[in-house]
Protein backbone atom coordinates (compact mmCIF):
# COMPACT_ATOMS: atom_id res chain seq x y z
CA MET A 1 -162.91 -78.37 94.04
CA THR A 2 -160.53 -80.18 91.80
CA GLU A 3 -162.58 -82.65 89.99
CA GLU A 4 -164.80 -79.28 88.99
CA MET A 5 -161.81 -78.54 86.63
CA THR A 6 -162.01 -78.94 82.83
CA ALA A 7 -159.01 -81.05 81.80
CA THR A 8 -157.93 -78.29 79.82
CA GLN A 9 -157.68 -76.61 83.35
CA ARG A 10 -155.36 -79.52 84.89
CA ALA A 11 -153.58 -79.36 81.77
CA PHE A 12 -152.79 -75.65 82.40
CA GLY A 13 -152.18 -76.49 86.16
CA ASP A 14 -149.61 -79.06 85.40
CA ALA A 15 -148.01 -77.23 82.75
CA LEU A 16 -147.38 -73.64 85.09
CA LEU A 17 -145.43 -76.11 87.01
CA ALA A 18 -143.79 -77.88 84.41
CA CYS A 19 -142.06 -74.43 83.09
CA GLY A 20 -141.53 -73.05 86.45
CA ALA A 21 -143.86 -70.65 85.99
CA VAL A 22 -144.96 -71.13 89.36
CA LYS A 23 -142.56 -70.53 92.15
CA PHE A 24 -142.81 -71.37 96.04
CA GLY A 25 -140.24 -69.21 98.31
CA ALA A 26 -140.64 -65.43 99.29
CA PHE A 27 -141.05 -63.21 97.06
CA ARG A 28 -141.24 -59.21 96.90
CA LEU A 29 -144.61 -58.45 94.31
CA LYS A 30 -145.59 -55.69 92.36
CA LEU A 31 -147.53 -54.41 95.42
CA HIS A 32 -144.13 -53.92 97.78
CA GLU A 33 -143.35 -50.63 95.61
CA ARG A 34 -146.23 -49.13 97.20
CA GLU A 35 -146.34 -50.93 100.82
CA PRO A 36 -142.73 -51.84 100.88
CA ASP A 37 -143.21 -53.40 104.68
CA ALA A 38 -145.67 -55.72 103.78
CA PRO A 39 -145.26 -59.42 104.18
CA LEU A 40 -143.32 -61.38 101.42
CA SER A 41 -145.56 -63.61 98.71
CA PRO A 42 -144.63 -67.12 99.53
CA ILE A 43 -145.89 -67.85 96.30
CA TYR A 44 -144.70 -66.37 92.29
CA VAL A 45 -146.57 -66.27 89.56
CA ASP A 46 -144.58 -64.84 86.77
CA LEU A 47 -146.73 -65.96 83.24
CA ARG A 48 -144.36 -64.29 81.26
CA VAL A 49 -142.38 -67.62 80.68
CA LEU A 50 -144.94 -68.69 78.97
CA ARG A 51 -143.65 -67.13 75.52
CA SER A 52 -140.50 -69.56 75.69
CA TRP A 53 -142.71 -72.65 76.02
CA PRO A 54 -144.82 -73.46 73.24
CA ASP A 55 -147.14 -76.08 74.48
CA ALA A 56 -147.47 -74.59 77.61
CA ILE A 57 -148.28 -71.09 75.78
CA ASP A 58 -150.56 -72.98 73.68
CA THR A 59 -152.16 -74.37 76.84
CA ALA A 60 -152.47 -71.29 78.28
CA VAL A 61 -154.66 -69.58 75.23
CA ALA A 62 -156.63 -72.91 75.30
CA VAL A 63 -157.89 -72.56 78.97
CA LEU A 64 -158.24 -68.99 78.10
CA ALA A 65 -160.44 -69.07 75.18
CA GLU A 66 -162.53 -72.16 76.95
CA MET A 67 -163.39 -69.92 79.96
CA ILE A 68 -164.55 -67.05 77.29
CA ALA A 69 -167.00 -69.28 75.70
CA ALA A 70 -168.57 -70.96 78.74
CA ARG A 71 -169.03 -67.17 79.94
CA GLY A 72 -171.19 -66.25 76.75
CA LEU A 73 -169.21 -62.96 76.80
CA GLU A 74 -169.53 -60.37 73.74
CA PHE A 75 -167.42 -58.18 72.10
CA THR A 76 -165.54 -57.51 68.64
CA ARG A 77 -161.88 -57.02 69.15
CA TYR A 78 -159.40 -57.79 72.57
CA ALA A 79 -157.76 -55.54 74.03
CA ASP A 80 -154.48 -57.17 75.65
CA ILE A 81 -152.48 -55.06 78.75
CA PRO A 82 -148.38 -55.41 77.73
CA MET A 83 -146.47 -57.10 77.92
CA ALA A 84 -147.25 -60.54 79.50
CA ALA A 85 -150.73 -60.97 77.97
CA THR A 86 -149.46 -59.61 74.36
CA PRO A 87 -148.45 -63.31 72.69
CA LEU A 88 -151.20 -64.83 74.14
CA VAL A 89 -153.75 -62.35 72.86
CA ALA A 90 -152.35 -62.14 69.65
CA ILE A 91 -152.08 -66.46 69.56
CA LEU A 92 -156.17 -65.86 70.64
CA MET A 93 -156.72 -63.64 67.79
CA HIS A 94 -155.32 -65.82 65.16
CA GLN A 95 -156.92 -68.36 66.32
CA THR A 96 -160.56 -67.13 66.49
CA ARG A 97 -159.64 -64.26 64.10
CA VAL A 98 -160.91 -61.52 66.34
CA PRO A 99 -158.34 -58.35 65.78
CA MET A 100 -156.63 -56.96 68.71
CA ILE A 101 -155.33 -53.62 70.45
CA THR A 102 -153.21 -52.81 72.84
CA PRO A 103 -153.58 -49.48 75.37
CA ARG A 104 -150.01 -47.94 75.51
CA GLU A 105 -148.99 -44.19 77.03
CA ALA A 106 -148.44 -41.62 74.61
CA LYS A 107 -145.54 -41.50 72.16
CA THR A 108 -143.42 -38.56 71.81
CA HIS A 109 -142.61 -39.61 68.54
CA GLY A 110 -144.32 -41.06 65.74
CA ILE A 111 -147.75 -41.11 65.15
CA ALA A 112 -149.70 -39.74 68.45
CA GLY A 113 -152.20 -41.96 70.29
CA THR A 114 -152.63 -44.39 73.10
CA ILE A 115 -153.96 -47.36 71.21
CA ASN A 116 -151.88 -49.88 69.00
CA GLY A 117 -153.49 -50.96 66.04
CA ASP A 118 -157.11 -50.40 64.20
CA PHE A 119 -160.78 -49.79 65.73
CA SER A 120 -164.09 -48.20 65.31
CA LEU A 121 -165.91 -45.86 68.07
CA GLY A 122 -168.51 -47.53 70.42
CA GLU A 123 -166.88 -50.75 69.55
CA THR A 124 -166.80 -53.19 72.81
CA VAL A 125 -163.77 -54.78 74.04
CA LEU A 126 -162.61 -57.72 75.63
CA VAL A 127 -159.75 -56.66 78.32
CA ILE A 128 -157.54 -59.38 78.70
CA ASP A 129 -154.11 -60.24 81.25
CA ASP A 130 -152.22 -62.45 82.71
CA LEU A 131 -153.66 -62.84 85.61
CA VAL A 132 -154.74 -60.54 88.34
CA THR A 133 -154.08 -59.76 92.33
CA HIS A 134 -155.12 -55.85 92.51
CA ALA A 135 -157.13 -54.59 89.74
CA ASP A 136 -154.95 -51.28 89.02
CA SER A 137 -153.47 -51.62 86.24
CA LYS A 138 -156.32 -52.89 84.36
CA LEU A 139 -158.39 -49.50 85.61
CA GLU A 140 -156.18 -48.04 83.84
CA ALA A 141 -155.97 -49.71 80.59
CA ILE A 142 -159.48 -49.35 80.54
CA ARG A 143 -159.30 -45.55 81.42
CA VAL A 144 -156.88 -45.41 77.38
CA LEU A 145 -159.27 -47.67 75.99
CA GLU A 146 -163.10 -45.50 77.22
CA ASP A 147 -161.10 -42.75 76.76
CA ASN A 148 -160.67 -43.44 72.67
CA GLY A 149 -164.22 -44.05 72.74
CA LEU A 150 -164.51 -47.76 73.17
CA LYS A 151 -166.41 -49.51 75.51
CA VAL A 152 -165.39 -52.42 77.99
CA ARG A 153 -167.54 -54.41 79.84
CA ASP A 154 -165.51 -57.17 80.89
CA VAL A 155 -162.11 -58.47 81.69
CA ALA A 156 -160.35 -61.70 81.20
CA VAL A 157 -157.57 -63.08 82.86
CA LEU A 158 -155.58 -66.66 83.56
CA ILE A 159 -155.47 -66.70 87.08
CA ASP A 160 -156.65 -64.53 89.88
CA ARG A 161 -154.50 -64.47 92.91
CA GLU A 162 -157.93 -64.03 94.97
CA GLN A 163 -156.88 -60.83 96.91
CA GLY A 164 -159.70 -58.49 96.17
CA ALA A 165 -159.48 -57.88 92.46
CA PRO A 166 -163.12 -58.96 91.41
CA GLU A 167 -164.55 -56.26 93.96
CA GLN A 168 -162.35 -53.40 93.15
CA LEU A 169 -163.21 -54.12 89.25
CA ALA A 170 -167.23 -54.86 90.07
CA ALA A 171 -167.12 -51.62 92.16
CA ALA A 172 -165.74 -49.58 89.03
CA GLY A 173 -168.65 -51.17 87.11
CA TYR A 174 -166.51 -54.29 85.75
CA THR A 175 -167.09 -58.26 85.53
CA LEU A 176 -163.93 -59.80 86.20
CA HIS A 177 -163.85 -63.39 84.80
CA ALA A 178 -160.50 -65.67 85.44
CA ALA A 179 -160.18 -69.06 84.00
CA LEU A 180 -158.71 -70.01 87.51
CA THR A 181 -158.28 -69.26 91.03
CA LEU A 182 -155.02 -69.44 92.55
CA GLY A 183 -156.99 -71.56 95.34
CA GLN A 184 -158.47 -73.81 92.85
CA LEU A 185 -154.37 -74.78 91.52
CA LEU A 186 -153.56 -74.61 95.17
CA ASP A 187 -156.32 -77.87 95.49
CA TYR A 188 -155.48 -79.28 92.13
CA TRP A 189 -151.30 -79.46 93.10
CA ARG A 190 -152.04 -80.32 96.91
CA ALA A 191 -154.53 -83.74 95.93
CA SER A 192 -151.89 -84.42 93.01
CA GLY A 193 -149.39 -84.39 94.87
CA ALA A 194 -147.50 -81.78 93.49
CA ILE A 195 -147.01 -79.60 96.20
CA ASP A 196 -147.27 -80.74 100.32
CA GLU A 197 -149.60 -80.31 102.76
CA ALA A 198 -147.33 -77.52 104.83
CA THR A 199 -146.69 -75.51 100.85
CA PHE A 200 -150.00 -75.28 100.41
CA GLU A 201 -150.92 -73.63 104.14
CA ARG A 202 -148.42 -70.88 103.53
CA VAL A 203 -150.48 -70.12 100.79
CA ARG A 204 -153.60 -70.38 101.80
CA THR A 205 -152.83 -68.28 105.31
CA TYR A 206 -150.85 -65.37 102.84
CA GLN A 207 -153.94 -65.17 100.63
CA ALA A 208 -156.41 -64.78 104.02
CA ALA A 209 -154.01 -62.34 105.41
CA ASN A 210 -153.76 -59.98 102.53
CA GLN A 211 -157.15 -59.28 100.69
CA ALA A 212 -157.42 -55.71 99.43
């Protein structure tokens, strides 16, 4: 599978390990808030750290832009899911000159509304997040956007952890587009010697046992 990766994808895979955005061990995830007895994850992907690494975030934005162009997605604005995706989308907006908006919770002060930024009713927006495990937070953001008169067809992420999100989104009428799956990255890291066989098998076994 590694031969199918582009040079940009491989550079992103290298950058993730170099900046410490991916760690191996035993970790609690967001899903443990509702499933406290679920098995601990042998891998932790924290793309929020990218904002501290200019070269790494440039590579992340490049791989995201490459995927969006290759899929031929049509939209007039980006909609980031805060906060992990916000710096990524801000850079992407600057580079492509496509404006962005941000869905948010309603405030009890200042200007009312549940979207930061300007938009017109009926516009089609591309929802962007850093990664996806399950699609709950994406569906919540989509609900806010649609309640404000916007249209959503597609959701783009850097990494799909392959735990049921594409199917969950498809059942709700949306299409997930991932720059890379976790499986592609694991194959690449194993082939390049960045992780050993035992680590590879541990993560793949966990993935197979924890599909949504």
